[in-house]
Amino acid sequence: LRDRNCSSKIITYLNSVIYDPEDGDGFNEDLWLLPDPGQGETRNMLYDHSVPAMRDWWVNRAIIKATHPLWDGIFIDALTSQDPNSLQYEMIEQLRSAFPKTSHIMVGNALRQMRKAGSRYLMPFF
């Protein structure tokens, strides 16, 4: 992509709710996931935001991914909590505070029209 347009920005992806084993370097599946809410192979493994060590791991993982030489930033998906004081958003704020003060990009999937005011109260997180 950069061969065609050297000013292109390429970002990586990390979900803030659903654990992906591909991102699991150092992740403790036994202690940092919520109990299985589903059945079978299609269940999602959900982060347990109440575990401080999990939130620290997630923030560090996001920074490692975003600052890799291939990427210009990171896209954070599944900002689903409707409570801006939730542990999920505390984790996002922790990332924002630790995020490199460089040209790296942090984008989040937070604005949703189904919520009051389209979730604009989440804009300060990004």
N, C-alpha and C. Protein backbone atom coordinates (compact mmCIF):
# COMPACT_ATOMS: atom_id res chain seq x y z
N LEU A 1 0.82 -1.19 0.00
CA LEU A 1 0.00 0.00 0.00
C LEU A 1 0.87 1.26 0.00
N ARG A 2 1.89 1.26 0.82
CA ARG A 2 2.77 2.43 0.87
C ARG A 2 3.57 2.60 -0.41
N ASP A 3 3.76 1.50 -1.15
CA ASP A 3 4.44 1.62 -2.44
C ASP A 3 3.60 2.45 -3.41
N ARG A 4 2.30 2.37 -3.28
CA ARG A 4 1.41 3.13 -4.16
C ARG A 4 1.19 4.55 -3.66
N ASN A 5 1.19 4.72 -2.33
CA ASN A 5 0.95 6.04 -1.75
C ASN A 5 1.75 6.13 -0.44
N CYS A 6 2.88 6.77 -0.50
CA CYS A 6 3.77 6.79 0.68
C CYS A 6 3.18 7.56 1.85
N SER A 7 2.12 8.33 1.64
CA SER A 7 1.50 9.06 2.75
C SER A 7 0.35 8.28 3.39
N SER A 8 0.12 7.06 2.91
CA SER A 8 -0.93 6.22 3.50
C SER A 8 -0.61 5.93 4.96
N LYS A 9 -1.65 5.88 5.76
CA LYS A 9 -1.52 5.50 7.17
C LYS A 9 -2.15 4.13 7.33
N ILE A 10 -1.43 3.24 7.97
CA ILE A 10 -1.90 1.87 8.16
C ILE A 10 -1.96 1.60 9.65
N ILE A 11 -3.13 1.16 10.11
CA ILE A 11 -3.30 0.92 11.54
C ILE A 11 -3.62 -0.55 11.79
N THR A 12 -3.28 -1.00 12.98
CA THR A 12 -3.57 -2.36 13.41
C THR A 12 -4.86 -2.36 14.23
N TYR A 13 -5.27 -3.52 14.70
CA TYR A 13 -6.58 -3.70 15.32
C TYR A 13 -6.44 -4.39 16.67
N LEU A 14 -7.26 -3.95 17.64
CA LEU A 14 -7.37 -4.66 18.92
C LEU A 14 -8.77 -4.45 19.45
N ASN A 15 -9.42 -5.54 19.82
CA ASN A 15 -10.76 -5.48 20.39
C ASN A 15 -10.66 -5.24 21.88
N SER A 16 -11.54 -4.41 22.43
CA SER A 16 -11.49 -4.11 23.86
C SER A 16 -12.42 -4.98 24.70
N VAL A 17 -13.14 -5.89 24.06
CA VAL A 17 -14.08 -6.76 24.77
C VAL A 17 -13.79 -8.23 24.50
N ILE A 18 -13.54 -8.58 23.25
CA ILE A 18 -13.38 -9.98 22.85
C ILE A 18 -11.91 -10.32 22.70
N TYR A 19 -11.49 -11.33 23.43
CA TYR A 19 -10.11 -11.80 23.38
C TYR A 19 -9.87 -12.61 22.12
N ASP A 20 -8.76 -12.32 21.45
CA ASP A 20 -8.33 -13.08 20.28
C ASP A 20 -7.03 -13.79 20.64
N PRO A 21 -7.01 -15.12 20.63
CA PRO A 21 -5.79 -15.85 20.99
C PRO A 21 -4.56 -15.44 20.17
N GLU A 22 -4.77 -14.88 18.98
CA GLU A 22 -3.64 -14.40 18.18
C GLU A 22 -2.89 -13.27 18.90
N ASP A 23 -3.58 -12.56 19.79
CA ASP A 23 -2.98 -11.47 20.56
C ASP A 23 -2.52 -11.94 21.94
N GLY A 24 -2.50 -13.24 22.16
CA GLY A 24 -2.36 -13.78 23.50
C GLY A 24 -0.99 -13.87 24.12
N ASP A 25 0.02 -13.28 23.53
CA ASP A 25 1.36 -13.38 24.10
C ASP A 25 1.36 -12.87 25.54
N GLY A 26 1.52 -13.78 26.50
CA GLY A 26 1.54 -13.41 27.91
C GLY A 26 0.16 -13.31 28.55
N PHE A 27 -0.89 -13.65 27.82
CA PHE A 27 -2.25 -13.55 28.35
C PHE A 27 -2.59 -14.76 29.20
N ASN A 28 -3.22 -14.56 30.34
CA ASN A 28 -3.60 -15.64 31.25
C ASN A 28 -5.08 -16.00 31.02
N GLU A 29 -5.32 -16.96 30.15
CA GLU A 29 -6.70 -17.34 29.81
C GLU A 29 -7.45 -17.90 31.01
N ASP A 30 -6.76 -18.48 31.95
CA ASP A 30 -7.43 -19.07 33.11
C ASP A 30 -7.98 -18.03 34.07
N LEU A 31 -7.33 -16.86 34.16
CA LEU A 31 -7.71 -15.87 35.16
C LEU A 31 -8.30 -14.58 34.59
N TRP A 32 -8.11 -14.30 33.31
CA TRP A 32 -8.45 -12.99 32.77
C TRP A 32 -9.65 -12.98 31.83
N LEU A 33 -10.39 -14.06 31.76
CA LEU A 33 -11.57 -14.12 30.91
C LEU A 33 -12.82 -14.31 31.76
N LEU A 34 -13.93 -13.79 31.28
CA LEU A 34 -15.20 -14.01 31.95
C LEU A 34 -15.63 -15.46 31.74
N PRO A 35 -16.45 -16.00 32.62
CA PRO A 35 -16.95 -17.36 32.40
C PRO A 35 -17.65 -17.45 31.04
N ASP A 36 -17.54 -18.60 30.42
CA ASP A 36 -18.09 -18.84 29.09
C ASP A 36 -19.59 -18.56 29.06
N PRO A 37 -20.03 -17.48 28.36
CA PRO A 37 -21.45 -17.17 28.30
C PRO A 37 -22.18 -17.94 27.20
N GLY A 38 -21.42 -18.59 26.33
CA GLY A 38 -22.04 -19.28 25.20
C GLY A 38 -21.73 -20.76 25.20
N GLN A 39 -21.99 -21.36 24.06
CA GLN A 39 -21.75 -22.79 23.93
C GLN A 39 -21.05 -23.05 22.61
N GLY A 40 -20.33 -24.13 22.57
CA GLY A 40 -19.74 -24.56 21.32
C GLY A 40 -18.52 -23.76 20.91
N GLU A 41 -18.11 -23.97 19.66
CA GLU A 41 -16.89 -23.36 19.15
C GLU A 41 -17.07 -21.90 18.77
N THR A 42 -18.30 -21.41 18.66
CA THR A 42 -18.52 -20.05 18.18
C THR A 42 -18.57 -19.03 19.32
N ARG A 43 -18.38 -19.46 20.54
CA ARG A 43 -18.46 -18.53 21.67
C ARG A 43 -17.32 -17.51 21.59
N ASN A 44 -17.59 -16.33 22.09
CA ASN A 44 -16.55 -15.32 22.22
C ASN A 44 -15.93 -15.43 23.60
N MET A 45 -14.62 -15.26 23.65
CA MET A 45 -13.92 -15.22 24.92
C MET A 45 -13.82 -13.75 25.31
N LEU A 46 -14.47 -13.38 26.41
CA LEU A 46 -14.59 -11.98 26.79
C LEU A 46 -13.61 -11.62 27.89
N TYR A 47 -12.96 -10.46 27.71
CA TYR A 47 -12.05 -9.96 28.74
C TYR A 47 -12.81 -9.69 30.03
N ASP A 48 -12.16 -9.97 31.14
CA ASP A 48 -12.70 -9.62 32.45
C ASP A 48 -12.04 -8.30 32.88
N HIS A 49 -12.74 -7.19 32.62
CA HIS A 49 -12.19 -5.87 32.90
C HIS A 49 -11.99 -5.61 34.40
N SER A 50 -12.55 -6.47 35.24
CA SER A 50 -12.39 -6.26 36.68
C SER A 50 -11.00 -6.70 37.18
N VAL A 51 -10.22 -7.32 36.32
CA VAL A 51 -8.88 -7.80 36.71
C VAL A 51 -7.83 -6.77 36.28
N PRO A 52 -7.23 -6.07 37.26
CA PRO A 52 -6.24 -5.04 36.90
C PRO A 52 -5.09 -5.57 36.04
N ALA A 53 -4.63 -6.78 36.30
CA ALA A 53 -3.52 -7.34 35.52
C ALA A 53 -3.93 -7.53 34.06
N MET A 54 -5.19 -7.89 33.82
CA MET A 54 -5.66 -8.04 32.45
C MET A 54 -5.66 -6.68 31.76
N ARG A 55 -6.16 -5.65 32.45
CA ARG A 55 -6.19 -4.31 31.85
C ARG A 55 -4.77 -3.83 31.55
N ASP A 56 -3.83 -4.08 32.45
CA ASP A 56 -2.44 -3.71 32.20
C ASP A 56 -1.88 -4.45 31.00
N TRP A 57 -2.16 -5.76 30.91
CA TRP A 57 -1.71 -6.54 29.76
C TRP A 57 -2.29 -5.95 28.48
N TRP A 58 -3.59 -5.65 28.48
CA TRP A 58 -4.25 -5.14 27.28
C TRP A 58 -3.64 -3.81 26.85
N VAL A 59 -3.40 -2.90 27.78
CA VAL A 59 -2.79 -1.60 27.45
C VAL A 59 -1.40 -1.82 26.86
N ASN A 60 -0.60 -2.65 27.49
CA ASN A 60 0.75 -2.92 26.98
C ASN A 60 0.70 -3.56 25.60
N ARG A 61 -0.26 -4.48 25.41
CA ARG A 61 -0.41 -5.13 24.10
C ARG A 61 -0.77 -4.10 23.03
N ALA A 62 -1.68 -3.20 23.36
CA ALA A 62 -2.08 -2.16 22.40
C ALA A 62 -0.90 -1.28 22.02
N ILE A 63 -0.08 -0.91 22.98
CA ILE A 63 1.07 -0.06 22.70
C ILE A 63 2.10 -0.80 21.86
N ILE A 64 2.35 -2.06 22.19
CA ILE A 64 3.28 -2.87 21.39
C ILE A 64 2.81 -2.96 19.95
N LYS A 65 1.52 -3.24 19.78
CA LYS A 65 0.99 -3.37 18.42
C LYS A 65 1.06 -2.03 17.68
N ALA A 66 0.64 -0.96 18.33
CA ALA A 66 0.55 0.35 17.67
C ALA A 66 1.92 0.91 17.29
N THR A 67 2.94 0.58 18.05
CA THR A 67 4.26 1.15 17.80
C THR A 67 5.16 0.23 16.97
N HIS A 68 4.62 -0.88 16.52
CA HIS A 68 5.38 -1.76 15.63
C HIS A 68 5.70 -0.97 14.35
N PRO A 69 6.88 -1.18 13.78
CA PRO A 69 7.28 -0.40 12.60
C PRO A 69 6.32 -0.49 11.40
N LEU A 70 5.53 -1.55 11.32
CA LEU A 70 4.60 -1.68 10.20
C LEU A 70 3.38 -0.77 10.32
N TRP A 71 3.07 -0.34 11.54
CA TRP A 71 1.81 0.37 11.78
C TRP A 71 2.04 1.84 12.13
N ASP A 72 1.03 2.63 11.81
CA ASP A 72 1.02 4.05 12.17
C ASP A 72 0.12 4.32 13.36
N GLY A 73 -0.55 3.30 13.85
CA GLY A 73 -1.46 3.48 14.97
C GLY A 73 -2.30 2.25 15.19
N ILE A 74 -3.42 2.44 15.90
CA ILE A 74 -4.27 1.31 16.28
C ILE A 74 -5.74 1.71 16.25
N PHE A 75 -6.57 0.75 15.87
CA PHE A 75 -8.02 0.88 15.90
C PHE A 75 -8.53 0.04 17.06
N ILE A 76 -9.19 0.67 18.02
CA ILE A 76 -9.75 -0.03 19.18
C ILE A 76 -11.22 -0.29 18.90
N ASP A 77 -11.61 -1.54 18.89
CA ASP A 77 -12.98 -1.92 18.57
C ASP A 77 -13.76 -2.27 19.82
N ALA A 78 -15.07 -2.24 19.68
CA ALA A 78 -16.03 -2.73 20.68
C ALA A 78 -16.03 -1.92 21.96
N LEU A 79 -16.12 -0.62 21.82
CA LEU A 79 -16.29 0.23 23.00
C LEU A 79 -17.77 0.23 23.33
N THR A 80 -18.20 -0.82 24.00
CA THR A 80 -19.62 -1.12 24.11
C THR A 80 -20.28 -0.65 25.39
N SER A 81 -19.51 -0.41 26.43
CA SER A 81 -20.12 0.00 27.69
C SER A 81 -20.79 1.36 27.50
N GLN A 82 -21.99 1.51 28.07
CA GLN A 82 -22.67 2.79 27.99
C GLN A 82 -22.34 3.67 29.19
N ASP A 83 -21.46 3.18 30.05
CA ASP A 83 -21.06 3.91 31.24
C ASP A 83 -19.63 4.40 31.06
N PRO A 84 -19.43 5.71 30.87
CA PRO A 84 -18.07 6.21 30.68
C PRO A 84 -17.20 6.06 31.93
N ASN A 85 -17.76 5.65 33.04
CA ASN A 85 -16.99 5.39 34.25
C ASN A 85 -16.70 3.90 34.45
N SER A 86 -16.98 3.10 33.45
CA SER A 86 -16.79 1.65 33.56
C SER A 86 -15.30 1.30 33.57
N LEU A 87 -15.01 0.08 33.97
CA LEU A 87 -13.63 -0.41 33.95
C LEU A 87 -13.09 -0.52 32.53
N GLN A 88 -13.98 -0.78 31.58
CA GLN A 88 -13.55 -0.82 30.18
C GLN A 88 -13.00 0.55 29.77
N TYR A 89 -13.71 1.62 30.11
CA TYR A 89 -13.24 2.94 29.74
C TYR A 89 -12.07 3.40 30.60
N GLU A 90 -11.98 2.88 31.81
CA GLU A 90 -10.79 3.14 32.63
C GLU A 90 -9.56 2.56 31.92
N MET A 91 -9.73 1.38 31.32
CA MET A 91 -8.66 0.76 30.56
C MET A 91 -8.29 1.60 29.34
N ILE A 92 -9.29 2.13 28.65
CA ILE A 92 -9.04 2.97 27.49
C ILE A 92 -8.32 4.25 27.91
N GLU A 93 -8.74 4.83 29.02
CA GLU A 93 -8.08 6.03 29.53
C GLU A 93 -6.64 5.72 29.92
N GLN A 94 -6.41 4.55 30.48
CA GLN A 94 -5.05 4.12 30.81
C GLN A 94 -4.20 4.03 29.54
N LEU A 95 -4.79 3.51 28.47
CA LEU A 95 -4.08 3.44 27.20
C LEU A 95 -3.80 4.84 26.68
N ARG A 96 -4.79 5.68 26.72
CA ARG A 96 -4.61 7.05 26.23
C ARG A 96 -3.49 7.76 26.98
N SER A 97 -3.42 7.57 28.28
CA SER A 97 -2.37 8.19 29.08
C SER A 97 -0.99 7.65 28.75
N ALA A 98 -0.93 6.38 28.40
CA ALA A 98 0.36 5.73 28.12
C ALA A 98 0.73 5.77 26.65
N PHE A 99 -0.23 6.18 25.81
CA PHE A 99 0.00 6.13 24.36
C PHE A 99 1.13 7.07 23.98
N PRO A 100 1.99 6.62 23.08
CA PRO A 100 3.14 7.45 22.69
C PRO A 100 2.71 8.83 22.20
N LYS A 101 3.40 9.83 22.68
CA LYS A 101 3.12 11.21 22.25
C LYS A 101 3.90 11.47 20.95
N THR A 102 3.59 10.66 19.97
CA THR A 102 4.25 10.77 18.67
C THR A 102 3.16 10.94 17.62
N SER A 103 3.49 10.58 16.42
CA SER A 103 2.53 10.70 15.34
C SER A 103 1.61 9.48 15.23
N HIS A 104 1.66 8.58 16.20
CA HIS A 104 0.81 7.40 16.15
C HIS A 104 -0.66 7.79 16.29
N ILE A 105 -1.51 7.03 15.63
CA ILE A 105 -2.95 7.29 15.58
C ILE A 105 -3.67 6.31 16.50
N MET A 106 -4.65 6.80 17.25
CA MET A 106 -5.52 5.92 18.03
C MET A 106 -6.95 6.27 17.64
N VAL A 107 -7.66 5.28 17.09
CA VAL A 107 -9.04 5.44 16.65
C VAL A 107 -9.88 4.41 17.39
N GLY A 108 -11.10 4.79 17.74
CA GLY A 108 -11.98 3.86 18.45
C GLY A 108 -13.35 3.78 17.82
N ASN A 109 -13.93 2.60 17.92
CA ASN A 109 -15.29 2.35 17.45
C ASN A 109 -16.24 2.59 18.61
N ALA A 110 -16.57 3.86 18.83
CA ALA A 110 -17.35 4.21 20.01
C ALA A 110 -18.66 4.92 19.70
N LEU A 111 -18.69 5.74 18.67
CA LEU A 111 -19.90 6.52 18.39
C LEU A 111 -20.99 5.62 17.83
N ARG A 112 -22.12 5.62 18.49
CA ARG A 112 -23.23 4.75 18.08
C ARG A 112 -24.53 5.53 18.19
N GLN A 113 -25.25 5.62 17.11
CA GLN A 113 -26.48 6.41 17.08
C GLN A 113 -27.58 5.83 17.96
N MET A 114 -27.50 4.56 18.30
CA MET A 114 -28.54 3.96 19.14
C MET A 114 -28.45 4.45 20.58
N ARG A 115 -27.35 5.11 20.93
CA ARG A 115 -27.17 5.61 22.28
C ARG A 115 -27.50 7.10 22.34
N LYS A 116 -27.79 7.55 23.54
CA LYS A 116 -28.10 8.96 23.75
C LYS A 116 -26.97 9.83 23.20
N ALA A 117 -27.33 10.81 22.38
CA ALA A 117 -26.38 11.75 21.77
C ALA A 117 -25.29 11.04 20.97
N GLY A 118 -25.59 9.83 20.49
CA GLY A 118 -24.63 9.12 19.65
C GLY A 118 -23.33 8.77 20.35
N SER A 119 -23.35 8.71 21.65
CA SER A 119 -22.17 8.38 22.47
C SER A 119 -21.08 9.44 22.34
N ARG A 120 -21.46 10.66 22.08
CA ARG A 120 -20.45 11.70 21.93
C ARG A 120 -19.66 11.93 23.22
N TYR A 121 -20.21 11.51 24.36
CA TYR A 121 -19.48 11.65 25.61
C TYR A 121 -18.18 10.82 25.61
N LEU A 122 -18.05 9.90 24.65
CA LEU A 122 -16.85 9.08 24.57
C LEU A 122 -15.75 9.72 23.73
N MET A 123 -16.07 10.80 23.04
CA MET A 123 -15.08 11.43 22.16
C MET A 123 -13.79 11.83 22.87
N PRO A 124 -13.85 12.31 24.12
CA PRO A 124 -12.58 12.68 24.78
C PRO A 124 -11.60 11.52 24.94
N PHE A 125 -12.10 10.28 24.87
CA PHE A 125 -11.20 9.14 24.99
C PHE A 125 -10.26 9.05 23.80
N PHE A 126 -10.67 9.68 22.68
CA PHE A 126 -9.87 9.61 21.46
C PHE A 126 -9.57 10.98 20.97
